Amino acid sequence: MIVHTAHIVCRPEAMEAFKNRLMAHARNSMEREPGCLSFRFHQSAENPALFLLFETYVDQAAFDAHRATAHLAEFRADTAEMVISRDWWFWSQELGGADEASPGR
């Protein structure tokens, strides 16, 4: 499995338009890419112009296929003037964790 995370900072005046376009991109990725297992994103509570993307893909080939899609190219073109910066990371090894909160939390 490949995990891709990204921080994207958009222009404050473009926040709502960016968020709407990101929602459509996430939906397109999930609907059109069988190798995309999840595509989640969050908006920072401290800096609403900062978005965290968290995507998981079956394998490297699925991620490479995502990078070659027309909908990713369209998303990049549509948001080019909205985005101030992008930073991303790739993860391949899960070391542990939990999916549910422990009792009492």
N, C-alpha and C. Protein backbone atom coordinates (compact mmCIF):
# COMPACT_ATOMS: atom_id res chain seq x y z
N MET A 1 0.84 -1.18 0.00
CA MET A 1 0.00 0.00 0.00
C MET A 1 0.89 1.24 0.00
N ILE A 2 0.45 2.25 -0.71
CA ILE A 2 1.13 3.55 -0.76
C ILE A 2 0.23 4.59 -0.11
N VAL A 3 0.78 5.36 0.79
CA VAL A 3 0.05 6.47 1.41
C VAL A 3 0.70 7.76 0.94
N HIS A 4 -0.12 8.67 0.49
CA HIS A 4 0.35 9.98 0.04
C HIS A 4 -0.31 11.03 0.91
N THR A 5 0.50 11.88 1.52
CA THR A 5 -0.04 13.01 2.28
C THR A 5 0.50 14.30 1.68
N ALA A 6 -0.29 15.34 1.82
CA ALA A 6 0.13 16.63 1.28
C ALA A 6 -0.42 17.75 2.14
N HIS A 7 0.34 18.81 2.21
CA HIS A 7 -0.13 20.08 2.76
C HIS A 7 -0.27 21.03 1.59
N ILE A 8 -1.45 21.59 1.43
CA ILE A 8 -1.67 22.58 0.38
C ILE A 8 -2.18 23.85 1.04
N VAL A 9 -1.50 24.95 0.77
CA VAL A 9 -1.93 26.25 1.26
C VAL A 9 -2.52 27.00 0.08
N CYS A 10 -3.75 27.46 0.26
CA CYS A 10 -4.38 28.21 -0.83
C CYS A 10 -4.52 29.68 -0.42
N ARG A 11 -4.80 30.49 -1.39
CA ARG A 11 -5.02 31.91 -1.13
C ARG A 11 -6.29 32.06 -0.29
N PRO A 12 -6.24 32.88 0.77
CA PRO A 12 -7.42 33.00 1.64
C PRO A 12 -8.70 33.36 0.90
N GLU A 13 -8.59 34.19 -0.12
CA GLU A 13 -9.78 34.59 -0.87
C GLU A 13 -10.31 33.46 -1.76
N ALA A 14 -9.53 32.41 -1.94
CA ALA A 14 -9.94 31.29 -2.79
C ALA A 14 -10.32 30.05 -1.99
N MET A 15 -10.38 30.17 -0.67
CA MET A 15 -10.60 29.00 0.18
C MET A 15 -11.84 28.19 -0.18
N GLU A 16 -12.97 28.83 -0.32
CA GLU A 16 -14.20 28.10 -0.61
C GLU A 16 -14.17 27.47 -1.99
N ALA A 17 -13.70 28.19 -2.98
CA ALA A 17 -13.59 27.64 -4.32
C ALA A 17 -12.62 26.46 -4.34
N PHE A 18 -11.50 26.60 -3.63
CA PHE A 18 -10.52 25.51 -3.57
C PHE A 18 -11.13 24.29 -2.88
N LYS A 19 -11.79 24.51 -1.77
CA LYS A 19 -12.39 23.39 -1.03
C LYS A 19 -13.41 22.66 -1.90
N ASN A 20 -14.25 23.39 -2.62
CA ASN A 20 -15.24 22.76 -3.50
C ASN A 20 -14.57 21.97 -4.61
N ARG A 21 -13.51 22.52 -5.18
CA ARG A 21 -12.80 21.81 -6.26
C ARG A 21 -12.09 20.58 -5.73
N LEU A 22 -11.55 20.68 -4.51
CA LEU A 22 -10.89 19.54 -3.88
C LEU A 22 -11.89 18.43 -3.59
N MET A 23 -13.09 18.78 -3.14
CA MET A 23 -14.13 17.77 -2.92
C MET A 23 -14.43 17.01 -4.20
N ALA A 24 -14.56 17.74 -5.30
CA ALA A 24 -14.84 17.10 -6.59
C ALA A 24 -13.67 16.20 -7.01
N HIS A 25 -12.46 16.65 -6.78
CA HIS A 25 -11.29 15.85 -7.14
C HIS A 25 -11.24 14.56 -6.31
N ALA A 26 -11.50 14.66 -5.03
CA ALA A 26 -11.50 13.47 -4.17
C ALA A 26 -12.56 12.48 -4.65
N ARG A 27 -13.74 12.98 -4.95
CA ARG A 27 -14.84 12.12 -5.45
C ARG A 27 -14.44 11.47 -6.77
N ASN A 28 -13.88 12.24 -7.70
CA ASN A 28 -13.43 11.68 -8.98
C ASN A 28 -12.39 10.59 -8.78
N SER A 29 -11.45 10.82 -7.88
CA SER A 29 -10.40 9.82 -7.63
C SER A 29 -11.00 8.53 -7.11
N MET A 30 -11.93 8.63 -6.18
CA MET A 30 -12.55 7.43 -5.61
C MET A 30 -13.43 6.70 -6.62
N GLU A 31 -14.17 7.45 -7.43
CA GLU A 31 -15.10 6.84 -8.38
C GLU A 31 -14.41 6.29 -9.62
N ARG A 32 -13.34 6.91 -10.06
CA ARG A 32 -12.72 6.55 -11.35
C ARG A 32 -11.47 5.69 -11.23
N GLU A 33 -10.94 5.55 -10.03
CA GLU A 33 -9.68 4.83 -9.87
C GLU A 33 -9.85 3.63 -8.94
N PRO A 34 -9.90 2.43 -9.50
CA PRO A 34 -10.06 1.25 -8.65
C PRO A 34 -8.92 1.07 -7.65
N GLY A 35 -7.75 1.60 -7.94
CA GLY A 35 -6.61 1.46 -7.04
C GLY A 35 -6.55 2.50 -5.94
N CYS A 36 -7.47 3.47 -5.95
CA CYS A 36 -7.53 4.48 -4.90
C CYS A 36 -8.42 3.96 -3.78
N LEU A 37 -7.83 3.63 -2.65
CA LEU A 37 -8.57 3.06 -1.53
C LEU A 37 -9.27 4.11 -0.69
N SER A 38 -8.66 5.28 -0.56
CA SER A 38 -9.29 6.37 0.19
C SER A 38 -8.68 7.69 -0.23
N PHE A 39 -9.48 8.74 -0.09
CA PHE A 39 -9.00 10.08 -0.39
C PHE A 39 -9.72 11.00 0.58
N ARG A 40 -9.03 11.37 1.63
CA ARG A 40 -9.60 12.23 2.66
C ARG A 40 -8.81 13.53 2.72
N PHE A 41 -9.50 14.57 3.13
CA PHE A 41 -8.78 15.82 3.36
C PHE A 41 -9.40 16.57 4.51
N HIS A 42 -8.57 17.39 5.13
CA HIS A 42 -8.96 18.14 6.31
C HIS A 42 -8.52 19.59 6.14
N GLN A 43 -9.26 20.49 6.78
CA GLN A 43 -8.93 21.91 6.77
C GLN A 43 -8.44 22.26 8.16
N SER A 44 -7.33 22.97 8.24
CA SER A 44 -6.73 23.33 9.53
C SER A 44 -7.67 24.21 10.35
N ALA A 45 -7.76 23.92 11.65
CA ALA A 45 -8.54 24.74 12.57
C ALA A 45 -7.83 26.06 12.85
N GLU A 46 -6.50 26.03 12.82
CA GLU A 46 -5.72 27.23 13.11
C GLU A 46 -5.50 28.12 11.89
N ASN A 47 -5.37 27.50 10.73
CA ASN A 47 -5.14 28.24 9.48
C ASN A 47 -6.05 27.66 8.41
N PRO A 48 -7.25 28.19 8.24
CA PRO A 48 -8.22 27.61 7.31
C PRO A 48 -7.76 27.56 5.85
N ALA A 49 -6.69 28.24 5.51
CA ALA A 49 -6.16 28.18 4.15
C ALA A 49 -5.24 26.96 3.95
N LEU A 50 -4.98 26.21 5.01
CA LEU A 50 -4.12 25.03 4.97
C LEU A 50 -4.97 23.77 4.94
N PHE A 51 -4.69 22.91 3.96
CA PHE A 51 -5.42 21.65 3.81
C PHE A 51 -4.44 20.49 3.92
N LEU A 52 -4.86 19.44 4.59
CA LEU A 52 -4.11 18.19 4.68
C LEU A 52 -4.83 17.15 3.84
N LEU A 53 -4.15 16.58 2.88
CA LEU A 53 -4.71 15.50 2.07
C LEU A 53 -4.09 14.19 2.54
N PHE A 54 -4.90 13.14 2.61
CA PHE A 54 -4.47 11.82 3.03
C PHE A 54 -5.08 10.82 2.07
N GLU A 55 -4.24 10.26 1.20
CA GLU A 55 -4.71 9.36 0.15
C GLU A 55 -4.02 8.00 0.31
N THR A 56 -4.75 6.92 0.06
CA THR A 56 -4.14 5.60 0.06
C THR A 56 -4.44 4.90 -1.25
N TYR A 57 -3.42 4.19 -1.75
CA TYR A 57 -3.50 3.48 -3.02
C TYR A 57 -3.05 2.04 -2.81
N VAL A 58 -3.59 1.14 -3.60
CA VAL A 58 -3.28 -0.29 -3.49
C VAL A 58 -1.78 -0.53 -3.56
N ASP A 59 -1.12 0.12 -4.51
CA ASP A 59 0.32 -0.08 -4.71
C ASP A 59 0.89 1.08 -5.53
N GLN A 60 2.15 1.00 -5.83
CA GLN A 60 2.80 2.07 -6.58
C GLN A 60 2.18 2.24 -7.96
N ALA A 61 1.81 1.14 -8.60
CA ALA A 61 1.19 1.23 -9.93
C ALA A 61 -0.12 2.01 -9.87
N ALA A 62 -0.90 1.82 -8.82
CA ALA A 62 -2.16 2.56 -8.67
C ALA A 62 -1.89 4.04 -8.45
N PHE A 63 -0.86 4.34 -7.68
CA PHE A 63 -0.53 5.76 -7.47
C PHE A 63 -0.02 6.38 -8.77
N ASP A 64 0.81 5.64 -9.50
CA ASP A 64 1.30 6.14 -10.79
C ASP A 64 0.13 6.38 -11.75
N ALA A 65 -0.86 5.50 -11.73
CA ALA A 65 -2.05 5.67 -12.57
C ALA A 65 -2.80 6.93 -12.17
N HIS A 66 -2.89 7.19 -10.87
CA HIS A 66 -3.54 8.43 -10.39
C HIS A 66 -2.82 9.65 -10.95
N ARG A 67 -1.51 9.62 -10.90
CA ARG A 67 -0.72 10.77 -11.37
C ARG A 67 -0.90 11.02 -12.87
N ALA A 68 -1.34 10.01 -13.61
CA ALA A 68 -1.51 10.14 -15.06
C ALA A 68 -2.94 10.45 -15.48
N THR A 69 -3.87 10.59 -14.52
CA THR A 69 -5.28 10.79 -14.88
C THR A 69 -5.54 12.21 -15.38
N ALA A 70 -6.53 12.29 -16.24
CA ALA A 70 -6.97 13.60 -16.75
C ALA A 70 -7.58 14.43 -15.62
N HIS A 71 -8.28 13.77 -14.69
CA HIS A 71 -8.91 14.56 -13.62
C HIS A 71 -7.89 15.18 -12.68
N LEU A 72 -6.72 14.56 -12.49
CA LEU A 72 -5.67 15.21 -11.70
C LEU A 72 -5.11 16.41 -12.46
N ALA A 73 -4.87 16.25 -13.74
CA ALA A 73 -4.36 17.36 -14.55
C ALA A 73 -5.36 18.52 -14.54
N GLU A 74 -6.65 18.21 -14.64
CA GLU A 74 -7.69 19.24 -14.60
C GLU A 74 -7.74 19.93 -13.24
N PHE A 75 -7.62 19.15 -12.17
CA PHE A 75 -7.61 19.72 -10.82
C PHE A 75 -6.43 20.69 -10.67
N ARG A 76 -5.25 20.26 -11.10
CA ARG A 76 -4.06 21.11 -11.01
C ARG A 76 -4.24 22.40 -11.81
N ALA A 77 -4.78 22.29 -13.01
CA ALA A 77 -4.99 23.47 -13.85
C ALA A 77 -6.04 24.40 -13.23
N ASP A 78 -7.13 23.81 -12.75
CA ASP A 78 -8.22 24.61 -12.17
C ASP A 78 -7.80 25.34 -10.90
N THR A 79 -6.85 24.77 -10.16
CA THR A 79 -6.47 25.37 -8.87
C THR A 79 -5.13 26.08 -8.90
N ALA A 80 -4.49 26.13 -10.04
CA ALA A 80 -3.14 26.70 -10.14
C ALA A 80 -3.05 28.11 -9.55
N GLU A 81 -4.02 28.93 -9.82
CA GLU A 81 -4.00 30.31 -9.33
C GLU A 81 -4.47 30.43 -7.89
N MET A 82 -5.06 29.37 -7.36
CA MET A 82 -5.57 29.37 -5.98
C MET A 82 -4.50 28.97 -4.97
N VAL A 83 -3.53 28.18 -5.41
CA VAL A 83 -2.57 27.55 -4.50
C VAL A 83 -1.32 28.41 -4.32
N ILE A 84 -0.92 28.56 -3.06
CA ILE A 84 0.32 29.26 -2.72
C ILE A 84 1.47 28.27 -2.63
N SER A 85 1.23 27.12 -1.98
CA SER A 85 2.30 26.14 -1.83
C SER A 85 1.74 24.73 -1.69
N ARG A 86 2.59 23.76 -2.07
CA ARG A 86 2.27 22.34 -1.94
C ARG A 86 3.50 21.64 -1.39
N ASP A 87 3.29 20.83 -0.39
CA ASP A 87 4.34 19.94 0.13
C ASP A 87 3.73 18.56 0.23
N TRP A 88 4.47 17.53 -0.18
CA TRP A 88 3.90 16.20 -0.10
C TRP A 88 4.93 15.18 0.32
N TRP A 89 4.40 14.06 0.83
CA TRP A 89 5.21 12.97 1.33
C TRP A 89 4.58 11.65 0.91
N PHE A 90 5.42 10.62 0.83
CA PHE A 90 4.96 9.28 0.46
C PHE A 90 5.37 8.32 1.56
N TRP A 91 4.48 7.41 1.89
CA TRP A 91 4.69 6.46 2.98
C TRP A 91 4.38 5.06 2.46
N SER A 92 5.18 4.09 2.83
CA SER A 92 4.94 2.75 2.33
C SER A 92 4.88 1.69 3.42
N GLN A 93 5.29 2.01 4.61
CA GLN A 93 5.33 0.99 5.64
C GLN A 93 4.51 1.42 6.84
N GLU A 94 3.50 0.61 7.18
CA GLU A 94 2.69 0.87 8.37
C GLU A 94 3.36 0.19 9.55
N LEU A 95 3.56 0.94 10.61
CA LEU A 95 4.28 0.40 11.77
C LEU A 95 3.34 0.04 12.92
N GLY A 96 2.09 0.38 12.82
CA GLY A 96 1.14 0.04 13.87
C GLY A 96 0.15 1.16 14.07
N GLY A 97 -0.73 0.97 15.02
CA GLY A 97 -1.75 1.97 15.30
C GLY A 97 -3.06 1.30 15.63
N ALA A 98 -4.09 2.10 15.70
CA ALA A 98 -5.43 1.59 16.02
C ALA A 98 -6.45 2.36 15.20
N ASP A 99 -7.55 1.68 14.90
CA ASP A 99 -8.61 2.32 14.13
C ASP A 99 -9.72 2.88 15.00
N GLU A 100 -9.81 2.45 16.25
CA GLU A 100 -10.88 2.89 17.13
C GLU A 100 -10.28 3.44 18.41
N ALA A 101 -11.00 4.39 18.99
CA ALA A 101 -10.56 4.94 20.28
C ALA A 101 -10.77 3.90 21.37
N SER A 102 -9.93 3.94 22.36
CA SER A 102 -10.08 3.00 23.47
C SER A 102 -11.30 3.36 24.30
N PRO A 103 -11.86 2.39 25.04
CA PRO A 103 -13.04 2.68 25.89
C PRO A 103 -12.76 3.84 26.84
N GLY A 104 -13.76 4.65 27.04
CA GLY A 104 -13.62 5.78 27.96
C GLY A 104 -13.11 7.04 27.31
N ARG A 105 -12.83 7.00 26.05
CA ARG A 105 -12.33 8.20 25.35
C ARG A 105 -13.42 8.86 24.61
